[in-house]
C-alpha atoms as a PDB file:
ATOM      1  CA  MET A   1       0.000   0.000   0.000  1.00  0.00           C
ATOM      2  CA  SER A   2       1.642   3.203  -1.183  1.00  0.00           C
ATOM      3  CA  GLN A   3       1.321   6.726   0.112  1.00  0.00           C
ATOM      4  CA  GLU A   4      -0.499   7.791  -3.038  1.00  0.00           C
ATOM      5  CA  PHE A   5      -3.105   5.097  -2.481  1.00  0.00           C
ATOM      6  CA  VAL A   6      -3.696   6.183   1.123  1.00  0.00           C
ATOM      7  CA  LEU A   7      -3.901   9.836   0.078  1.00  0.00           C
ATOM      8  CA  ASN A   8      -6.369   8.918  -2.655  1.00  0.00           C
ATOM      9  CA  ILE A   9      -8.606   7.123  -0.141  1.00  0.00           C
ATOM     10  CA  ALA A  10      -8.375  10.064   2.287  1.00  0.00           C
ATOM     11  CA  ARG A  11      -9.197  12.544  -0.491  1.00  0.00           C
ATOM     12  CA  GLU A  12     -12.173  10.455  -1.574  1.00  0.00           C
ATOM     13  CA  ALA A  13     -13.393  10.185   2.034  1.00  0.00           C
ATOM     14  CA  LEU A  14     -13.167  13.948   2.554  1.00  0.00           C
ATOM     15  CA  SER A  15     -14.908  14.734  -0.710  1.00  0.00           C
ATOM     16  CA  THR A  16     -17.662  12.246   0.131  1.00  0.00           C
ATOM     17  CA  ALA A  17     -18.119  13.814   3.571  1.00  0.00           C
ATOM     18  CA  LEU A  18     -18.313  17.294   2.044  1.00  0.00           C
ATOM     19  CA  LEU A  19     -20.742  16.092  -0.611  1.00  0.00           C
ATOM     20  CA  LEU A  20     -22.999  14.604   2.050  1.00  0.00           C
ATOM     21  CA  ALA A  21     -22.856  17.561   4.428  1.00  0.00           C
ATOM     22  CA  ALA A  22     -23.179  20.390   1.895  1.00  0.00           C
ATOM     23  CA  PRO A  23     -26.923  20.197   1.092  1.00  0.00           C
ATOM     24  CA  VAL A  24     -28.053  20.014   4.720  1.00  0.00           C
ATOM     25  CA  LEU A  25     -25.620  22.714   5.829  1.00  0.00           C
ATOM     26  CA  GLY A  26     -26.655  24.924   2.914  1.00  0.00           C
ATOM     27  CA  LEU A  27     -30.309  24.491   3.789  1.00  0.00           C
ATOM     28  CA  SER A  28     -29.575  25.372   7.405  1.00  0.00           C
ATOM     29  CA  LEU A  29     -27.623  28.427   6.247  1.00  0.00           C
ATOM     30  CA  LEU A  30     -30.468  29.650   4.043  1.00  0.00           C
ATOM     31  CA  VAL A  31     -33.048  29.218   6.798  1.00  0.00           C
ATOM     32  CA  GLY A  32     -30.735  30.946   9.287  1.00  0.00           C
ATOM     33  CA  VAL A  33     -30.241  33.935   6.998  1.00  0.00           C
ATOM     34  CA  GLY A  34     -33.979  34.142   6.374  1.00  0.00           C
ATOM     35  CA  ILE A  35     -34.746  34.084  10.079  1.00  0.00           C
ATOM     36  CA  SER A  36     -32.014  36.670  10.742  1.00  0.00           C
ATOM     37  CA  VAL A  37     -33.534  39.011   8.159  1.00  0.00           C
ATOM     38  CA  LEU A  38     -36.960  38.470   9.717  1.00  0.00           C
ATOM     39  CA  GLN A  39     -35.565  39.223  13.180  1.00  0.00           C
ATOM     40  CA  ALA A  40     -33.778  42.339  11.950  1.00  0.00           C
ATOM     41  CA  THR A  41     -36.891  43.728  10.281  1.00  0.00           C
ATOM     42  CA  THR A  42     -39.233  42.999  13.168  1.00  0.00           C
ATOM     43  CA  GLN A  43     -36.669  43.585  15.944  1.00  0.00           C
ATOM     44  CA  ILE A  44     -37.619  40.341  17.667  1.00  0.00           C
ATOM     45  CA  GLN A  45     -34.540  39.030  19.449  1.00  0.00           C
ATOM     46  CA  GLU A  46     -35.750  35.653  20.660  1.00  0.00           C
ATOM     47  CA  GLN A  47     -32.947  33.054  20.653  1.00  0.00           C
ATOM     48  CA  THR A  48     -35.207  30.037  20.233  1.00  0.00           C
ATOM     49  CA  LEU A  49     -36.645  31.550  17.069  1.00  0.00           C
ATOM     50  CA  THR A  50     -33.357  30.838  15.268  1.00  0.00           C
ATOM     51  CA  PHE A  51     -32.919  27.229  16.359  1.00  0.00           C
ATOM     52  CA  VAL A  52     -36.341  25.695  15.873  1.00  0.00           C
ATOM     53  CA  PRO A  53     -36.742  26.521  12.141  1.00  0.00           C
ATOM     54  CA  LYS A  54     -33.173  25.384  11.465  1.00  0.00           C
ATOM     55  CA  ILE A  55     -33.761  22.077  13.219  1.00  0.00           C
ATOM     56  CA  ILE A  56     -36.992  21.558  11.288  1.00  0.00           C
ATOM     57  CA  ALA A  57     -35.247  22.427   7.996  1.00  0.00           C
ATOM     58  CA  VAL A  58     -32.391  20.007   8.701  1.00  0.00           C
ATOM     59  CA  ILE A  59     -34.808  17.206   9.598  1.00  0.00           C
ATOM     60  CA  LEU A  60     -36.825  17.822   6.423  1.00  0.00           C
ATOM     61  CA  GLY A  61     -33.617  17.963   4.399  1.00  0.00           C
ATOM     62  CA  LEU A  62     -32.506  14.636   5.839  1.00  0.00           C
ATOM     63  CA  LEU A  63     -35.912  13.123   5.096  1.00  0.00           C
ATOM     64  CA  PHE A  64     -35.876  14.245   1.469  1.00  0.00           C
ATOM     65  CA  LEU A  65     -32.162  13.739   0.784  1.00  0.00           C
ATOM     66  CA  GLY A  66     -31.623  10.690   2.994  1.00  0.00           C
ATOM     67  CA  THR A  67     -31.900   8.108   0.213  1.00  0.00           C
ATOM     68  CA  TRP A  68     -29.455  10.032  -1.980  1.00  0.00           C
ATOM     69  CA  MET A  69     -27.026  10.368   0.924  1.00  0.00           C
ATOM     70  CA  LEU A  70     -27.339   6.676   1.728  1.00  0.00           C
ATOM     71  CA  ASN A  71     -26.639   5.744  -1.892  1.00  0.00           C
ATOM     72  CA  ILE A  72     -23.470   7.880  -1.864  1.00  0.00           C
ATOM     73  CA  LEU A  73     -22.324   6.206   1.365  1.00  0.00           C
ATOM     74  CA  ILE A  74     -23.081   2.735   0.015  1.00  0.00           C
ATOM     75  CA  HIS A  75     -21.092   3.487  -3.145  1.00  0.00           C
ATOM     76  CA  PHE A  76     -18.121   4.740  -1.108  1.00  0.00           C
ATOM     77  CA  THR A  77     -18.226   1.740   1.234  1.00  0.00           C
ATOM     78  CA  THR A  78     -18.522  -0.672  -1.679  1.00  0.00           C
ATOM     79  CA  ASN A  79     -15.439   0.921  -3.241  1.00  0.00           C
ATOM     80  CA  ILE A  80     -13.484   0.561   0.008  1.00  0.00           C
ATOM     81  CA  PHE A  81     -14.497  -3.072   0.506  1.00  0.00           C
ATOM     82  CA  GLY A  82     -13.915  -3.796  -3.178  1.00  0.00           C
ATOM     83  CA  ASN A  83     -10.329  -2.571  -2.836  1.00  0.00           C
ATOM     84  CA  LEU A  84      -9.817  -4.378   0.477  1.00  0.00           C
ATOM     85  CA  GLU A  85      -7.622  -7.073  -1.038  1.00  0.00           C
ATOM     86  CA  SER A  86      -5.205  -4.426  -2.308  1.00  0.00           C
ATOM     87  CA  LEU A  87      -5.266  -2.736   1.101  1.00  0.00           C
ATOM     88  CA  VAL A  88      -4.309  -5.884   3.001  1.00  0.00           C
ATOM     89  CA  LYS A  89      -1.288  -6.814   0.879  1.00  0.00           C
END
């Protein structure tokens, strides 16, 4: 097992993690900005008002994108286990 091979696996793992996290984090960011604009215009400074919509948006995002995320993880895991014989050498 060479250094290039290990770096390739690490790069693929990081890119997979970023690919999986980006949609949910982006959705949370958009909801957070929307709530911040709403708070700034109405001058309501309630702390729980920022968390509850973000939590609901993340849960809905996971419900709608969960199958896609699971397919990406299954593909990555299948690649790792498929290359297991070259890893063990």
